[in-house]
Protein backbone atom coordinates (compact mmCIF):
# COMPACT_ATOMS: atom_id res chain seq x y z
CA MET A 1 -1.77 -50.98 109.61
CA SER A 2 -0.54 -53.00 106.64
CA ALA A 3 -1.74 -52.52 103.10
CA SER A 4 -2.69 -56.20 102.79
CA GLY A 5 -4.87 -56.04 105.93
CA PHE A 6 -6.64 -52.95 104.63
CA ALA A 7 -7.33 -54.65 101.29
CA LEU A 8 -8.72 -57.79 102.98
CA ARG A 9 -11.03 -55.81 105.24
CA LEU A 10 -12.19 -53.62 102.36
CA ALA A 11 -12.90 -56.67 100.21
CA ALA A 12 -14.85 -58.36 103.00
CA LEU A 13 -16.95 -55.27 103.70
CA THR A 14 -17.59 -54.78 99.98
CA ARG A 15 -18.83 -58.36 99.63
CA LYS A 16 -21.10 -57.88 102.63
CA GLU A 17 -22.60 -54.64 101.28
CA THR A 18 -23.03 -56.17 97.82
CA ARG A 19 -24.96 -59.14 99.23
CA GLN A 20 -27.09 -56.81 101.35
CA MET A 21 -27.87 -54.67 98.32
CA LEU A 22 -28.87 -57.71 96.25
CA ARG A 23 -31.15 -58.91 99.06
CA ASP A 24 -32.88 -55.52 99.29
CA ARG A 25 -34.91 -55.35 96.12
CA SER A 26 -36.10 -51.83 96.81
CA ASN A 27 -32.52 -50.57 96.40
CA LEU A 28 -32.25 -52.35 93.08
CA VAL A 29 -35.51 -50.72 91.98
CA VAL A 30 -34.14 -47.27 92.76
CA GLY A 31 -30.69 -47.96 91.33
CA LEU A 32 -31.71 -49.75 88.12
CA LEU A 33 -35.42 -49.56 87.35
CA LEU A 34 -35.97 -45.88 88.17
CA PRO A 35 -33.21 -44.55 85.84
CA ILE A 36 -34.41 -46.80 83.02
CA THR A 37 -37.98 -45.60 83.56
CA LEU A 38 -36.89 -41.96 83.50
CA ILE A 39 -34.92 -42.47 80.29
CA LEU A 40 -37.90 -44.09 78.57
CA LEU A 41 -40.39 -41.53 79.86
CA PHE A 42 -38.33 -38.49 78.90
CA GLY A 43 -37.12 -40.03 75.64
CA TYR A 44 -40.43 -41.34 74.31
CA GLY A 45 -43.08 -39.76 76.52
CA LEU A 46 -41.92 -36.15 76.47
CA SER A 47 -42.58 -34.47 73.15
CA PHE A 48 -43.47 -30.88 72.33
CA ASP A 49 -43.92 -31.65 68.63
CA VAL A 50 -47.42 -31.53 67.17
CA ARG A 51 -48.44 -34.18 64.66
CA ASN A 52 -51.76 -34.97 63.01
CA ALA A 53 -53.40 -31.87 64.45
CA ARG A 54 -57.10 -31.94 63.61
CA VAL A 55 -57.95 -28.99 61.36
CA THR A 56 -61.51 -28.61 60.10
CA LEU A 57 -61.86 -26.88 56.72
CA VAL A 58 -64.98 -24.86 55.94
CA LEU A 59 -65.06 -23.90 52.26
CA ASP A 60 -67.71 -21.21 51.76
CA ASP A 61 -66.09 -20.37 48.41
CA PRO A 62 -66.21 -23.54 46.24
CA SER A 63 -64.08 -22.05 43.45
CA PRO A 64 -60.90 -23.79 42.17
CA THR A 65 -58.90 -20.81 43.44
CA ALA A 66 -60.08 -21.40 47.02
CA ARG A 67 -59.40 -25.14 46.82
CA THR A 68 -55.90 -24.48 45.49
CA MET A 69 -55.19 -22.22 48.45
CA VAL A 70 -55.91 -24.93 51.05
CA GLU A 71 -54.51 -27.92 49.21
CA GLY A 72 -51.18 -27.56 51.03
CA LEU A 73 -52.86 -28.72 54.24
CA GLU A 74 -53.60 -32.12 52.71
CA GLY A 75 -49.95 -33.10 52.36
CA SER A 76 -48.65 -31.80 55.70
CA PRO A 77 -47.49 -34.52 58.15
CA TYR A 78 -48.36 -32.21 61.03
CA LEU A 79 -51.98 -31.58 60.05
CA ALA A 80 -54.97 -33.89 59.64
CA PRO A 81 -57.51 -31.81 57.72
CA ALA A 82 -61.18 -32.75 57.54
CA TRP A 83 -64.04 -31.02 55.79
CA ALA A 84 -67.17 -29.61 57.43
CA PRO A 85 -70.23 -28.55 55.42
CA SER A 86 -70.85 -25.40 57.47
CA MET A 87 -69.35 -23.16 60.11
CA VAL A 88 -72.09 -24.14 62.54
CA GLU A 89 -71.05 -27.79 62.43
CA ALA A 90 -67.36 -26.88 62.67
CA GLU A 91 -68.00 -24.77 65.78
CA ALA A 92 -69.95 -27.65 67.34
CA MET A 93 -66.95 -29.92 66.70
CA MET A 94 -64.69 -27.38 68.41
CA ARG A 95 -66.90 -27.14 71.49
CA ALA A 96 -67.07 -30.94 71.71
CA GLY A 97 -63.28 -31.21 71.51
CA ARG A 98 -63.29 -33.10 68.19
CA THR A 99 -61.07 -30.62 66.37
CA ASP A 100 -58.08 -28.44 67.22
CA ALA A 101 -58.62 -25.66 64.69
CA ILE A 102 -61.04 -24.35 62.08
CA LEU A 103 -59.83 -22.82 58.82
CA ARG A 104 -62.62 -20.96 57.05
CA VAL A 105 -62.47 -19.77 53.45
CA PRO A 106 -65.11 -17.00 53.15
CA ALA A 107 -67.53 -16.80 50.25
CA ASP A 108 -65.87 -13.69 48.78
CA PHE A 109 -62.35 -15.12 48.92
CA SER A 110 -61.74 -15.30 45.14
CA ALA A 111 -63.03 -11.79 44.52
CA ARG A 112 -60.98 -10.30 47.33
CA LEU A 113 -57.89 -12.24 46.23
CA ALA A 114 -58.14 -10.65 42.79
CA ALA A 115 -58.33 -7.27 44.51
CA GLY A 116 -55.27 -8.12 46.61
CA ASP A 117 -57.11 -8.15 49.95
CA ALA A 118 -58.07 -11.77 50.63
CA ARG A 119 -58.53 -13.14 54.13
CA LEU A 120 -58.81 -16.55 55.74
CA GLN A 121 -60.14 -17.12 59.22
CA LEU A 122 -58.29 -19.48 61.59
CA ILE A 123 -59.94 -20.39 64.89
CA LEU A 124 -57.70 -22.24 67.33
CA ASN A 125 -58.54 -24.34 70.37
CA GLY A 126 -56.55 -22.51 73.04
CA VAL A 127 -56.91 -25.03 75.88
CA ASP A 128 -53.29 -25.97 75.14
CA SER A 129 -51.65 -22.67 74.21
CA ASN A 130 -48.39 -24.31 73.04
CA THR A 131 -50.23 -26.66 70.67
CA ALA A 132 -52.33 -23.77 69.35
CA ALA A 133 -49.23 -21.74 68.52
CA SER A 134 -47.67 -24.72 66.73
CA ILE A 135 -50.81 -25.37 64.69
CA GLU A 136 -50.96 -21.73 63.62
CA ALA A 137 -47.37 -21.92 62.38
CA TYR A 138 -48.04 -25.18 60.51
CA VAL A 139 -51.17 -23.75 58.84
CA GLN A 140 -49.28 -20.65 57.74
CA GLY A 141 -46.56 -22.83 56.28
CA ALA A 142 -49.09 -25.01 54.45
CA LEU A 143 -50.88 -21.97 53.01
CA ALA A 144 -47.56 -20.74 51.59
CA ILE A 145 -47.10 -23.93 49.53
CA PRO A 146 -49.32 -22.85 46.58
CA ALA A 147 -47.40 -19.57 46.26
CA GLN A 148 -44.11 -21.44 46.31
CA LYS A 149 -45.30 -23.88 43.64
CA GLU A 150 -46.37 -21.04 41.35
CA ALA A 151 -43.05 -19.30 41.92
CA ASP A 152 -41.22 -22.52 40.97
CA ARG A 153 -43.26 -22.84 37.78
CA ALA A 154 -42.42 -19.23 36.95
CA GLY A 155 -38.71 -19.97 37.27
CA GLY A 156 -38.31 -18.48 40.71
CA LYS A 157 -40.07 -15.25 39.85
CA PRO A 158 -42.81 -14.02 42.20
CA PRO A 159 -46.35 -14.75 40.94
CA ALA A 160 -48.25 -12.06 39.14
CA THR A 161 -50.53 -9.82 41.13
CA GLY A 162 -54.09 -11.12 41.32
CA SER A 163 -53.15 -14.77 40.78
CA ALA A 164 -54.30 -17.62 43.03
CA ALA A 165 -51.14 -17.57 45.13
CA THR A 166 -49.89 -14.04 45.33
CA GLY A 167 -49.07 -14.19 49.00
CA SER A 168 -51.55 -11.31 49.57
CA VAL A 169 -53.73 -13.54 51.79
CA THR A 170 -54.10 -12.44 55.39
CA LEU A 171 -54.69 -15.10 58.03
CA VAL A 172 -57.05 -13.71 60.67
CA GLN A 173 -56.56 -15.68 63.88
CA ARG A 174 -58.86 -16.16 66.83
CA ILE A 175 -58.28 -18.31 69.91
CA TRP A 176 -61.14 -19.98 71.71
CA PHE A 177 -61.17 -20.96 75.40
CA ASN A 178 -57.87 -19.14 76.08
CA GLU A 179 -58.17 -15.77 74.37
CA ALA A 180 -55.09 -14.36 76.09
CA ALA A 181 -52.99 -17.44 75.13
CA GLU A 182 -51.83 -17.66 78.75
CA SER A 183 -49.85 -20.83 79.53
CA THR A 184 -50.90 -20.41 83.16
CA TRP A 185 -54.50 -21.11 82.17
CA PHE A 186 -53.31 -24.40 80.70
CA LEU A 187 -51.06 -25.46 83.60
CA VAL A 188 -52.99 -24.43 86.71
CA PRO A 189 -55.97 -26.79 86.22
CA GLY A 190 -53.50 -29.63 85.84
CA LEU A 191 -52.04 -28.77 89.25
CA VAL A 192 -55.31 -29.97 90.78
CA VAL A 193 -54.51 -33.44 89.40
CA LEU A 194 -50.97 -33.37 90.78
CA VAL A 195 -52.10 -32.22 94.23
CA MET A 196 -54.81 -34.89 94.41
CA THR A 197 -52.24 -37.49 93.34
CA LEU A 198 -49.68 -36.28 95.87
CA ILE A 199 -52.14 -36.31 98.77
CA GLY A 200 -53.82 -39.52 97.70
CA ALA A 201 -51.39 -42.04 96.32
CA PHE A 202 -47.97 -40.73 97.33
CA LEU A 203 -48.57 -39.42 100.86
CA THR A 204 -51.12 -42.05 101.90
CA SER A 205 -48.96 -44.97 100.78
CA MET A 206 -46.08 -43.79 102.97
CA LEU A 207 -48.14 -43.04 106.06
CA ILE A 208 -50.03 -46.34 106.03
CA ALA A 209 -46.80 -48.23 105.34
CA ARG A 210 -45.35 -46.58 108.46
CA GLU A 211 -48.20 -48.11 110.48
CA TRP A 212 -47.41 -51.52 109.01
CA GLU A 213 -43.80 -51.12 110.11
CA ARG A 214 -44.76 -50.05 113.63
CA GLY A 215 -47.34 -52.79 114.04
CA THR A 216 -50.25 -50.44 114.81
CA LEU A 217 -52.37 -51.89 112.03
CA GLU A 218 -51.83 -55.40 113.29
CA SER A 219 -53.29 -54.38 116.65
CA LEU A 220 -56.53 -53.60 114.83
CA PHE A 221 -56.72 -57.17 113.57
CA VAL A 222 -57.40 -58.54 117.05
CA THR A 223 -60.57 -56.42 117.20
CA PRO A 224 -63.94 -57.29 115.58
CA VAL A 225 -63.45 -54.75 112.76
CA ARG A 226 -63.56 -55.96 109.17
CA PRO A 227 -60.94 -55.23 106.50
CA MET A 228 -63.20 -52.96 104.48
CA GLU A 229 -64.03 -50.97 107.59
CA VAL A 230 -60.32 -50.44 108.17
CA VAL A 231 -59.90 -49.32 104.55
CA LEU A 232 -62.76 -46.81 104.72
CA ALA A 233 -61.57 -45.49 108.08
CA LYS A 234 -58.14 -44.86 106.57
CA LEU A 235 -59.68 -43.03 103.62
CA VAL A 236 -61.77 -40.53 105.58
CA PRO A 237 -59.02 -38.39 107.25
CA TYR A 238 -56.95 -38.07 104.09
CA PHE A 239 -60.09 -37.41 102.06
CA VAL A 240 -60.75 -34.40 104.30
CA VAL A 241 -57.15 -33.21 103.81
CA GLY A 242 -57.53 -33.62 100.04
CA ALA A 243 -60.81 -31.69 100.11
CA ILE A 244 -59.14 -28.79 101.92
CA ASP A 245 -56.31 -28.82 99.37
CA LEU A 246 -58.87 -28.81 96.56
CA VAL A 247 -60.43 -25.65 98.00
CA PHE A 248 -57.00 -24.02 98.10
CA CYS A 249 -56.36 -25.03 94.47
CA LEU A 250 -59.68 -23.64 93.25
CA LEU A 251 -59.27 -20.37 95.14
CA ALA A 252 -55.72 -19.93 93.85
CA ALA A 253 -56.78 -20.73 90.28
CA ARG A 254 -59.62 -18.25 90.32
CA PHE A 255 -58.29 -15.33 92.37
CA LEU A 256 -54.49 -15.68 92.32
CA PHE A 257 -53.90 -16.82 88.72
CA GLU A 258 -57.26 -15.55 87.32
CA VAL A 259 -57.97 -18.76 85.44
CA PRO A 260 -61.55 -18.77 84.10
CA VAL A 261 -63.91 -21.44 85.40
CA ARG A 262 -66.34 -21.96 82.52
CA GLY A 263 -67.75 -25.29 83.65
CA SER A 264 -70.01 -26.09 86.57
CA LEU A 265 -68.22 -25.70 89.91
CA ALA A 266 -70.29 -28.55 91.33
CA VAL A 267 -69.12 -30.88 88.54
CA ILE A 268 -65.49 -29.83 89.10
CA VAL A 269 -65.74 -30.58 92.83
CA ALA A 270 -67.57 -33.89 92.31
CA ALA A 271 -65.08 -35.09 89.69
CA SER A 272 -62.15 -34.03 91.89
CA PHE A 273 -63.57 -35.93 94.87
CA LEU A 274 -64.00 -39.00 92.68
CA TYR A 275 -60.39 -38.83 91.53
CA LEU A 276 -59.27 -38.24 95.13
CA ILE A 277 -60.95 -41.51 96.13
CA VAL A 278 -59.11 -43.26 93.31
CA SER A 279 -55.77 -41.80 94.45
CA LEU A 280 -56.39 -42.70 98.09
CA SER A 281 -57.35 -46.24 97.12
CA LEU A 282 -54.19 -46.56 95.04
CA GLY A 283 -52.09 -45.34 97.97
CA LEU A 284 -53.72 -47.86 100.31
CA LEU A 285 -53.17 -50.62 97.78
CA ILE A 286 -49.48 -49.74 97.46
CA SER A 287 -49.05 -49.74 101.23
CA ALA A 288 -50.87 -53.06 101.54
CA VAL A 289 -48.56 -54.62 98.94
CA THR A 290 -45.24 -53.21 100.19
CA ARG A 291 -45.77 -52.60 103.94
CA ASN A 292 -42.52 -50.62 103.89
CA GLN A 293 -42.15 -46.83 103.77
CA PHE A 294 -39.19 -46.72 101.42
CA ALA A 295 -40.60 -49.26 99.00
CA ALA A 296 -44.03 -47.61 99.16
CA SER A 297 -42.59 -44.18 98.33
CA GLN A 298 -40.68 -45.51 95.32
CA LEU A 299 -43.62 -47.54 94.03
CA ALA A 300 -45.97 -44.59 94.47
CA LEU A 301 -43.49 -42.39 92.60
CA LEU A 302 -43.29 -44.82 89.69
CA THR A 303 -46.99 -45.70 89.44
CA SER A 304 -48.77 -42.48 90.36
CA PHE A 305 -46.98 -39.16 90.74
CA LEU A 306 -44.38 -39.44 87.97
CA PRO A 307 -46.89 -40.76 85.39
CA ALA A 308 -49.32 -38.00 86.43
CA VAL A 309 -46.66 -35.43 85.54
CA MET A 310 -45.32 -37.07 82.38
CA LEU A 311 -48.10 -39.15 80.82
CA SER A 312 -51.37 -37.44 81.69
CA GLY A 313 -51.25 -34.51 79.27
CA PHE A 314 -50.21 -32.08 82.01
CA VAL A 315 -47.44 -30.49 79.94
CA PHE A 316 -48.03 -31.56 76.31
CA ASP A 317 -50.57 -33.15 74.01
CA LEU A 318 -50.48 -36.95 74.33
CA ARG A 319 -51.41 -37.40 70.67
CA ASN A 320 -47.88 -36.33 69.78
CA VAL A 321 -46.18 -39.30 71.51
CA PRO A 322 -45.72 -42.82 70.06
CA GLY A 323 -48.67 -45.22 70.03
CA PRO A 324 -47.43 -47.54 72.82
CA ILE A 325 -46.94 -44.54 75.13
CA GLN A 326 -50.45 -43.34 74.30
CA ALA A 327 -51.83 -46.78 75.16
CA ILE A 328 -50.02 -46.77 78.50
CA SER A 329 -51.26 -43.27 79.29
CA GLN A 330 -54.87 -44.37 78.78
CA LEU A 331 -54.43 -46.92 81.59
CA LEU A 332 -53.72 -44.13 84.08
CA PRO A 333 -56.60 -42.57 86.04
CA ALA A 334 -54.73 -39.24 86.00
CA THR A 335 -54.95 -39.06 82.20
CA HIS A 336 -58.75 -39.16 82.18
CA PHE A 337 -59.10 -36.71 85.05
CA MET A 338 -56.54 -34.34 83.49
CA GLY A 339 -58.51 -34.10 80.25
CA LEU A 340 -61.76 -33.63 82.17
CA ILE A 341 -60.53 -30.92 84.55
CA LYS A 342 -58.97 -28.87 81.73
CA THR A 343 -62.17 -29.12 79.71
CA LEU A 344 -64.27 -28.01 82.68
CA PHE A 345 -62.03 -25.04 83.41
CA MET A 346 -61.43 -23.82 79.87
CA ALA A 347 -64.29 -25.01 77.64
CA GLY A 348 -67.24 -25.64 79.94
CA ASP A 349 -69.56 -28.57 80.56
CA ASN A 350 -68.96 -31.14 77.83
CA TRP A 351 -71.35 -33.79 79.15
CA PRO A 352 -70.23 -36.73 76.97
CA GLU A 353 -66.67 -36.16 78.20
CA ILE A 354 -67.88 -35.74 81.80
CA TRP A 355 -69.85 -39.00 81.81
CA ARG A 356 -67.06 -40.93 80.09
CA ALA A 357 -64.29 -39.76 82.43
CA CYS A 358 -66.40 -40.17 85.58
CA ALA A 359 -67.43 -43.69 84.56
CA ILE A 360 -63.77 -44.67 84.11
CA LEU A 361 -62.79 -43.13 87.46
CA THR A 362 -65.67 -44.89 89.20
CA LEU A 363 -64.52 -48.22 87.79
CA TYR A 364 -60.98 -47.57 89.04
CA ALA A 365 -62.28 -46.65 92.51
CA VAL A 366 -64.36 -49.84 92.82
CA VAL A 367 -61.56 -52.11 91.63
CA LEU A 368 -58.87 -50.50 93.79
CA LEU A 369 -61.03 -50.53 96.92
CA ALA A 370 -61.89 -54.19 96.39
CA LEU A 371 -58.24 -55.15 95.91
CA THR A 372 -57.16 -53.14 98.95
CA GLY A 373 -59.84 -54.71 101.15
CA ARG A 374 -58.71 -58.15 100.02
CA LEU A 375 -55.03 -57.49 100.72
CA MET A 376 -55.60 -55.83 104.10
CA ARG A 377 -57.10 -58.95 105.58
CA LYS A 378 -56.76 -59.68 109.25
CA ARG A 379 -53.62 -61.74 109.58
CA LEU A 380 -50.23 -61.38 111.18
CA ASP A 381 -47.02 -61.81 109.20
């Protein structure tokens, strides 16, 4: 075997494989689009930093000393302080999810500061334990600013005892909704979203695409059935599978991981079923568009499962990512269900949030079912 013959055959085979690769767009998607998507998602979408955390200030002591103590929060790029007239209103904001923390300056703050035993109360929203820990650190750093300023004015000497920034202030911390600060309590409810997405969009798109490849769906088109009847018939079996998986998730969350269920169990089940319908409809739509198992699996990965992991708030707070990424995340059904399921597990029944999220999911279900029924019309390719 000559070297020139080997080179000619290798060149010919390489040209053939190159042309075949260029004709198969699904390979190009995997080879080019998927790495670019992962780079952008991990680079811009993954962030454990906390910025503009909402901290509500309750100033029961209106003295200049108390105001000086909390003025460091105003200039922090990580905190977005807002004032509340009373603790009752601040607690209502916390329960409604409109604030991440409450910093309360008690009425006897100035007197106790002069005695060297001043205290501030910090209440943290513990639904996201990582964010809560970051906010606590940022608040402590901001409260140390007045003491540092006074030390600078004194030429680096520590401030005199009894002054407004002696450093003798104790920050008393409490965590709501996740008293034990367990990260498992934060992650396990999100697993319900991932399981529903896996069963609905990812698995369904591949299985229905397999029927397109084998021609079994086309055999249905010679019968009197209508496209929407085919769509609904495809939804029912996988809906039952998803319902069984939901039961497993809820049992594991409650008895295996001991995650509290503070919201209504009926609302959790109803919202999960609604999201399952959305996921199943998305899977059917993907299969109707691609009609190929490999392409369906890649498209489902890019449009459903991967965004559900990265852009739904499963791991980190979406408010910490750039604005365009936040806008994209709000287009995903998983984002709205993720926020709802975590609220139901950890905080309880927040009805404005329940109605908002369920209305969005219902709209997605109607639109996806209509598109799928239109694409799965009775025709042969």
